[in-house]
C-alpha cells in the first residue's frame, strides 16, 4: 500500500494524539501498519522505526501490555477530555521539575516535526513560564521553519496567552501577523474557508466520499500553511468567483491524488471555470500543488 502526502500527515497527527493520551497499544499497531506501507521518506521511516522500538522495549508484551497499562488509568480518566488529561499531567511534571519547561522548549526546537516535538509543543501551551514565550517567538521569527510548523507555534503562543505582532520569514517575503488573531480550530477560520469545502462537498460527499475526505484533510492543512499569505488574503475576501476557483482546484488536486490526472478539465466545467477565472483556478492549483510537494515528511 502506498501512502499519499495527505494521508501521511493525517497519521502523524493521530500518532501524536495517541502518545499524548498514552494510547500506546494503538500507537504500536499504527506504527506497524505505517512501516508496512510505501510512500514515506526515509527519515520518516527511521523516526517511526525508532519510536516503535522504544514502545516495544517499554511494553515487552507488545500492544496488549500497552493496552493493559492504559487501562489502569482508564477508570479515573474515562470522563476527562484528552486535552485536560495532558494538561494535568504536564502541570504535575512541572511542579516536580523546575527545569521541565526549558527542556520542552529545547525538544520542540531540536525535534520540531517528530511526534515527540509535536507533543512538547502541545504541552507548552499549558505551562506558566514567561521565558518560553520569548524563546518560541524568537525561534518563530528567526528559524527556517515549515509554514505548518510556523502556524502551530503561533497557536501555542496564543493558547499561552501571548499577543502582539510577529514577523515570519516566508520564502523571499516577510509576513507580519498578530498572535491573538490566530485560529485555534477550523471553525475559527474566515467563512470563506468553509465555503470552499462546502462547494467541494456538494460535488463529492455522496458520490465519492473518499475523495471528499482527502479534499477536507488537504484543505485544512493548506489553510494553516497559507495563513497570512497573499493567497490567504485573496481567498478570505469571499468573492464568489474566487471561491469557485479554489473549489475547482481543490477538487482537482484531491482527484489527482486518489485517481491520477486527466480530470481537471471536466472538474473545471462542473464549477463553471471559464475565461479569466480559469487563470485564477490554475494559480490556486499551483499553490496547492506546491504545498503538497513541500509537506513535512514527503521531501
Protein backbone atom coordinates (compact mmCIF):
# COMPACT_ATOMS: atom_id res chain seq x y z
CA UNK A 1 0.00 0.00 0.00
CA UNK A 2 1.26 3.49 -0.92
CA UNK A 3 0.52 6.38 1.45
CA UNK A 4 -0.24 9.78 -0.08
CA UNK A 5 1.17 13.01 1.44
CA UNK A 6 -2.21 13.96 2.93
CA UNK A 7 -2.57 10.50 4.49
CA UNK A 8 0.92 10.68 6.00
CA UNK A 9 0.09 13.97 7.71
CA UNK A 10 -3.20 12.51 8.99
CA UNK A 11 -1.43 9.52 10.55
CA UNK A 12 1.28 11.79 12.00
CA UNK A 13 -1.42 13.82 13.76
CA UNK A 14 -3.17 10.67 15.00
CA UNK A 15 0.08 9.22 16.36
CA UNK A 16 0.74 12.44 18.26
CA UNK A 17 -2.74 12.26 19.81
CA UNK A 18 -2.23 8.60 20.79
CA UNK A 19 1.06 9.35 22.53
CA UNK A 20 -0.35 12.43 24.26
CA UNK A 21 -3.13 10.35 25.80
CA UNK A 22 -0.93 7.28 26.43
CA UNK A 23 -2.84 5.06 23.98
CA UNK A 24 0.35 3.10 23.39
CA UNK A 25 -1.34 -0.07 22.13
CA UNK A 26 -2.99 1.84 19.30
CA UNK A 27 0.32 3.60 18.60
CA UNK A 28 2.17 0.27 18.29
CA UNK A 29 -0.41 -1.11 15.87
CA UNK A 30 -0.45 2.11 13.83
CA UNK A 31 3.34 2.21 13.56
CA UNK A 32 3.45 -1.43 12.46
CA UNK A 33 0.91 -0.61 9.76
CA UNK A 34 2.79 2.50 8.58
CA UNK A 35 6.11 0.69 8.34
CA UNK A 36 4.46 -1.87 6.07
CA UNK A 37 3.39 0.86 3.63
CA UNK A 38 5.29 2.72 0.94
CA UNK A 39 5.36 6.44 0.14
CA UNK A 40 7.02 8.00 3.18
CA UNK A 41 10.52 9.44 3.21
CA UNK A 42 13.47 7.52 4.67
CA UNK A 43 13.65 10.00 7.55
CA UNK A 44 10.00 9.31 8.43
CA UNK A 45 10.55 5.55 8.29
CA UNK A 46 13.57 5.88 10.58
CA UNK A 47 11.65 8.08 13.01
CA UNK A 48 8.72 5.66 13.16
CA UNK A 49 11.00 2.66 13.47
CA UNK A 50 12.82 4.26 16.43
CA UNK A 51 9.53 5.13 18.11
CA UNK A 52 8.19 1.61 17.60
CA UNK A 53 11.38 0.11 19.04
CA UNK A 54 11.06 2.31 22.13
CA UNK A 55 7.42 1.29 22.64
CA UNK A 56 8.32 -2.39 22.31
CA UNK A 57 11.07 -2.00 24.93
CA UNK A 58 8.67 -0.19 27.27
CA UNK A 59 5.97 -2.84 26.69
CA UNK A 60 7.74 -6.20 26.04
CA UNK A 61 4.39 -7.94 25.72
CA UNK A 62 3.57 -5.77 22.73
CA UNK A 63 0.32 -3.97 22.11
CA UNK A 64 -1.58 -5.95 24.77
CA UNK A 65 0.75 -4.77 27.55
CA UNK A 66 0.32 -1.24 26.28
CA UNK A 67 -3.46 -1.59 26.33
CA UNK A 68 -3.30 -3.02 29.86
CA UNK A 69 -1.13 -0.12 31.03
CA UNK A 70 -3.59 2.38 29.61
CA UNK A 71 -6.47 0.55 31.26
CA UNK A 72 -5.01 1.17 34.73
CA UNK A 73 -5.64 4.88 34.23
CA UNK A 74 -8.86 4.50 32.29
CA UNK A 75 -11.16 4.38 35.32
CA UNK A 76 -10.17 7.75 36.74
CA UNK A 77 -9.77 9.47 33.37
CA UNK A 78 -12.57 7.98 31.30
CA UNK A 79 -14.73 11.07 31.63
CA UNK A 80 -11.88 13.54 31.03
CA UNK A 81 -11.16 15.27 27.78
CA UNK A 82 -7.78 14.11 26.33
CA UNK A 83 -6.58 17.71 26.36
CA UNK A 84 -7.39 18.01 30.06
CA UNK A 85 -5.53 14.78 30.78
CA UNK A 86 -2.43 16.10 29.00
CA UNK A 87 -2.71 19.46 30.79
CA UNK A 88 -2.98 17.88 34.23
CA UNK A 89 -0.03 15.54 33.69
CA UNK A 90 2.09 18.32 32.20
CA UNK A 91 1.47 20.62 35.17
CA UNK A 92 2.27 17.76 37.55
CA UNK A 93 5.62 17.27 35.83
CA UNK A 94 6.38 20.99 36.02
CA UNK A 95 5.70 21.00 39.77
CA UNK A 96 8.11 18.10 40.19
CA UNK A 97 10.82 19.57 37.94
CA UNK A 98 11.57 23.30 37.72
CA UNK A 99 13.53 22.84 34.51
CA UNK A 100 10.77 20.96 32.70
CA UNK A 101 9.56 23.90 30.57
CA UNK A 102 13.06 24.63 29.34
CA UNK A 103 13.54 21.01 28.28
CA UNK A 104 10.27 21.06 26.39
CA UNK A 105 11.31 24.21 24.52
CA UNK A 106 14.62 22.59 23.54
CA UNK A 107 12.83 19.44 22.39
CA UNK A 108 10.48 21.47 20.20
CA UNK A 109 13.41 23.27 18.58
CA UNK A 110 15.60 20.19 18.17
CA UNK A 111 12.86 17.77 17.03
CA UNK A 112 10.21 20.08 15.55
CA UNK A 113 8.50 17.68 13.16
CA UNK A 114 8.70 14.46 15.19
CA UNK A 115 5.93 13.09 17.38
CA UNK A 116 7.99 13.96 20.47
CA UNK A 117 8.43 17.53 19.28
CA UNK A 118 4.75 17.96 18.48
CA UNK A 119 3.71 16.61 21.88
CA UNK A 120 6.16 19.00 23.57
CA UNK A 121 4.64 21.90 21.64
CA UNK A 122 1.18 20.89 22.86
CA UNK A 123 2.45 20.63 26.43
CA UNK A 124 3.99 24.10 26.32
CA UNK A 125 0.52 25.56 25.84
CA UNK A 126 -0.25 24.62 29.45
CA UNK A 127 2.92 25.72 31.26
CA UNK A 128 3.37 29.01 33.10
CA UNK A 129 6.81 30.15 32.08
CA UNK A 130 7.37 33.63 30.63
CA UNK A 131 10.73 32.70 29.13
CA UNK A 132 9.02 30.08 26.95
CA UNK A 133 7.04 32.84 25.19
CA UNK A 134 10.22 34.75 24.40
CA UNK A 135 12.09 31.68 23.16
CA UNK A 136 9.24 30.44 20.98
CA UNK A 137 8.61 33.89 19.49
CA UNK A 138 12.32 34.37 18.75
CA UNK A 139 12.55 30.92 17.14
CA UNK A 140 9.43 31.65 15.11
CA UNK A 141 10.88 34.87 13.74
CA UNK A 142 14.44 33.71 13.08
CA UNK A 143 14.20 29.97 12.38
CA UNK A 144 13.83 28.36 8.97
CA UNK A 145 10.50 26.68 9.76
CA UNK A 146 8.00 24.96 7.53
CA UNK A 147 4.76 27.02 7.20
CA UNK A 148 2.74 24.34 9.03
CA UNK A 149 5.15 24.45 11.95
CA UNK A 150 5.05 28.26 11.97
CA UNK A 151 1.27 28.09 12.30
CA UNK A 152 1.38 25.52 15.10
CA UNK A 153 3.85 27.64 17.06
CA UNK A 154 1.52 30.63 16.60
CA UNK A 155 -1.32 28.53 18.00
CA UNK A 156 0.78 27.51 21.01
CA UNK A 157 1.69 31.13 21.73
CA UNK A 158 -1.97 32.16 21.53
CA UNK A 159 -3.01 29.34 23.89
CA UNK A 160 -0.34 30.54 26.29
CA UNK A 161 -1.99 33.98 26.31
CA UNK A 162 0.70 35.75 24.28
CA UNK A 163 -0.27 38.61 21.97
CA UNK A 164 1.22 41.19 19.67
CA UNK A 165 2.89 41.10 16.25
CA UNK A 166 5.40 38.57 14.97
CA UNK A 167 7.31 38.72 11.69
CA UNK A 168 7.65 35.41 9.84
CA UNK A 169 10.04 34.70 7.00
CA UNK A 170 8.28 33.07 4.09
CA UNK A 171 10.49 32.42 1.06
CA UNK A 172 11.64 35.88 -0.02
CA UNK A 173 8.95 37.81 1.83
CA UNK A 174 8.04 38.62 5.43
CA UNK A 175 4.57 38.18 6.95
CA UNK A 176 3.55 40.32 9.92
CA UNK A 177 0.84 38.58 11.94
CA UNK A 178 -0.94 39.20 15.24
CA UNK A 179 -0.63 36.23 17.59
CA UNK A 180 -4.05 36.78 19.16
CA UNK A 181 -5.83 36.50 15.78
CA UNK A 182 -4.50 33.00 15.04
CA UNK A 183 -7.34 30.46 14.50
CA UNK A 184 -7.25 27.62 17.03
CA UNK A 185 -9.78 25.39 15.26
CA UNK A 186 -11.26 25.01 11.75
CA UNK A 187 -14.35 26.94 12.86
CA UNK A 188 -12.21 30.00 13.64
CA UNK A 189 -11.03 30.44 10.06
CA UNK A 190 -12.98 33.00 7.99
CA UNK A 191 -16.29 31.72 6.49
CA UNK A 192 -14.75 31.63 3.01
CA UNK A 193 -12.56 28.68 4.03
CA UNK A 194 -15.59 26.62 4.97
CA UNK A 195 -17.47 27.75 1.88
CA UNK A 196 -14.81 26.34 -0.45
CA UNK A 197 -15.05 22.99 1.31
CA UNK A 198 -18.87 23.11 1.20
CA UNK A 199 -18.78 23.54 -2.58
CA UNK A 200 -16.48 20.55 -2.98
CA UNK A 201 -18.75 18.56 -0.64
CA UNK A 202 -21.72 19.27 -2.89
CA UNK A 203 -19.92 17.56 -5.76
CA UNK A 204 -18.24 14.68 -3.93
CA UNK A 205 -19.57 13.90 -0.45
CA UNK A 206 -22.30 11.49 -1.64
CA UNK A 207 -20.87 10.17 -4.89
CA UNK A 208 -17.22 9.90 -3.80
CA UNK A 209 -16.81 10.23 -0.02
CA UNK A 210 -13.18 9.07 -0.05
CA UNK A 211 -12.28 11.93 -2.38
CA UNK A 212 -14.06 14.40 -0.11
CA UNK A 213 -12.16 13.02 2.89
CA UNK A 214 -8.82 13.71 1.19
CA UNK A 215 -10.01 17.11 -0.01
CA UNK A 216 -11.01 18.09 3.53
CA UNK A 217 -7.69 16.98 5.05
CA UNK A 218 -5.69 18.71 2.32
CA UNK A 219 -7.70 21.93 2.61
CA UNK A 220 -7.32 22.35 6.35
CA UNK A 221 -3.59 21.65 6.18
CA UNK A 222 -3.24 24.12 3.32
CA UNK A 223 -5.22 26.82 5.15
CA UNK A 224 -2.85 26.57 8.12
CA UNK A 225 0.24 26.72 5.92
CA UNK A 226 -1.13 29.60 3.81
CA UNK A 227 -2.31 31.67 6.80
CA UNK A 228 -1.46 35.34 6.29
CA UNK A 229 -0.07 34.95 2.76
CA UNK A 230 -1.41 36.81 -0.32
CA UNK A 231 -3.26 33.63 -1.36
CA UNK A 232 -4.98 33.52 2.01
CA UNK A 233 -5.85 37.23 1.93
CA UNK A 234 -7.34 36.93 -1.57
CA UNK A 235 -9.37 33.87 -0.58
CA UNK A 236 -10.95 35.37 2.54
CA UNK A 237 -12.29 38.36 0.58
CA UNK A 238 -15.16 35.94 -0.17
CA UNK A 239 -15.62 36.93 -3.82
CA UNK A 240 -17.89 34.24 -5.23
CA UNK A 241 -15.80 33.58 -8.32
CA UNK A 242 -12.67 33.31 -6.16
CA UNK A 243 -14.31 30.59 -4.09
CA UNK A 244 -15.30 28.65 -7.21
CA UNK A 245 -11.71 28.84 -8.48
CA UNK A 246 -10.35 27.42 -5.22
CA UNK A 247 -13.06 24.74 -5.01
CA UNK A 248 -12.27 23.53 -8.53
CA UNK A 249 -8.53 23.48 -7.79
CA UNK A 250 -9.03 21.60 -4.52
CA UNK A 251 -11.33 19.05 -6.17
CA UNK A 252 -8.81 18.53 -8.97
CA UNK A 253 -5.87 18.06 -6.60
CA UNK A 254 -7.77 15.55 -4.46
CA UNK A 255 -8.86 13.69 -7.60
CA UNK A 256 -5.30 13.54 -8.91
CA UNK A 257 -4.02 12.28 -5.55
CA UNK A 258 -6.52 9.42 -5.48
CA UNK A 259 -7.13 8.58 -9.11
CA UNK A 260 -4.30 10.13 -11.14
CA UNK A 261 -4.54 13.05 -13.56
CA UNK A 262 -6.79 13.63 -16.54
CA UNK A 263 -9.96 15.00 -14.91
CA UNK A 264 -9.01 18.64 -14.36
CA UNK A 265 -10.88 19.97 -17.41
CA UNK A 266 -14.05 18.11 -16.50
CA UNK A 267 -13.84 19.34 -12.91
CA UNK A 268 -13.43 22.97 -14.05
CA UNK A 269 -16.58 22.61 -16.13
CA UNK A 270 -18.52 21.42 -13.09
CA UNK A 271 -17.60 24.60 -11.20
CA UNK A 272 -18.15 26.88 -14.19
CA UNK A 273 -14.49 27.85 -14.54
CA UNK A 274 -14.13 29.76 -17.82
CA UNK A 275 -12.39 32.84 -19.17
CA UNK A 276 -10.37 34.88 -16.68
CA UNK A 277 -11.48 32.63 -13.86
CA UNK A 278 -9.56 29.76 -15.43
CA UNK A 279 -6.28 31.60 -14.84
CA UNK A 280 -7.18 32.14 -11.17
CA UNK A 281 -8.07 28.47 -10.76
CA UNK A 282 -4.75 27.44 -12.29
CA UNK A 283 -2.97 29.74 -9.81
CA UNK A 284 -4.87 28.08 -6.96
CA UNK A 285 -3.91 24.66 -8.31
CA UNK A 286 -0.22 25.63 -8.39
CA UNK A 287 -0.42 26.85 -4.79
CA UNK A 288 -2.00 23.58 -3.63
CA UNK A 289 0.47 21.53 -5.63
CA UNK A 290 3.45 23.42 -4.17
CA UNK A 291 2.12 22.83 -0.67
CA UNK A 292 1.69 19.07 -1.11
CA UNK A 293 5.19 18.77 -2.54
CA UNK A 294 6.69 20.61 0.45
CA UNK A 295 4.68 18.86 3.16
CA UNK A 296 6.82 17.59 6.07
CA UNK A 297 7.95 14.00 5.62
CA UNK A 298 7.43 13.97 1.84
CA UNK A 299 10.65 15.56 0.65
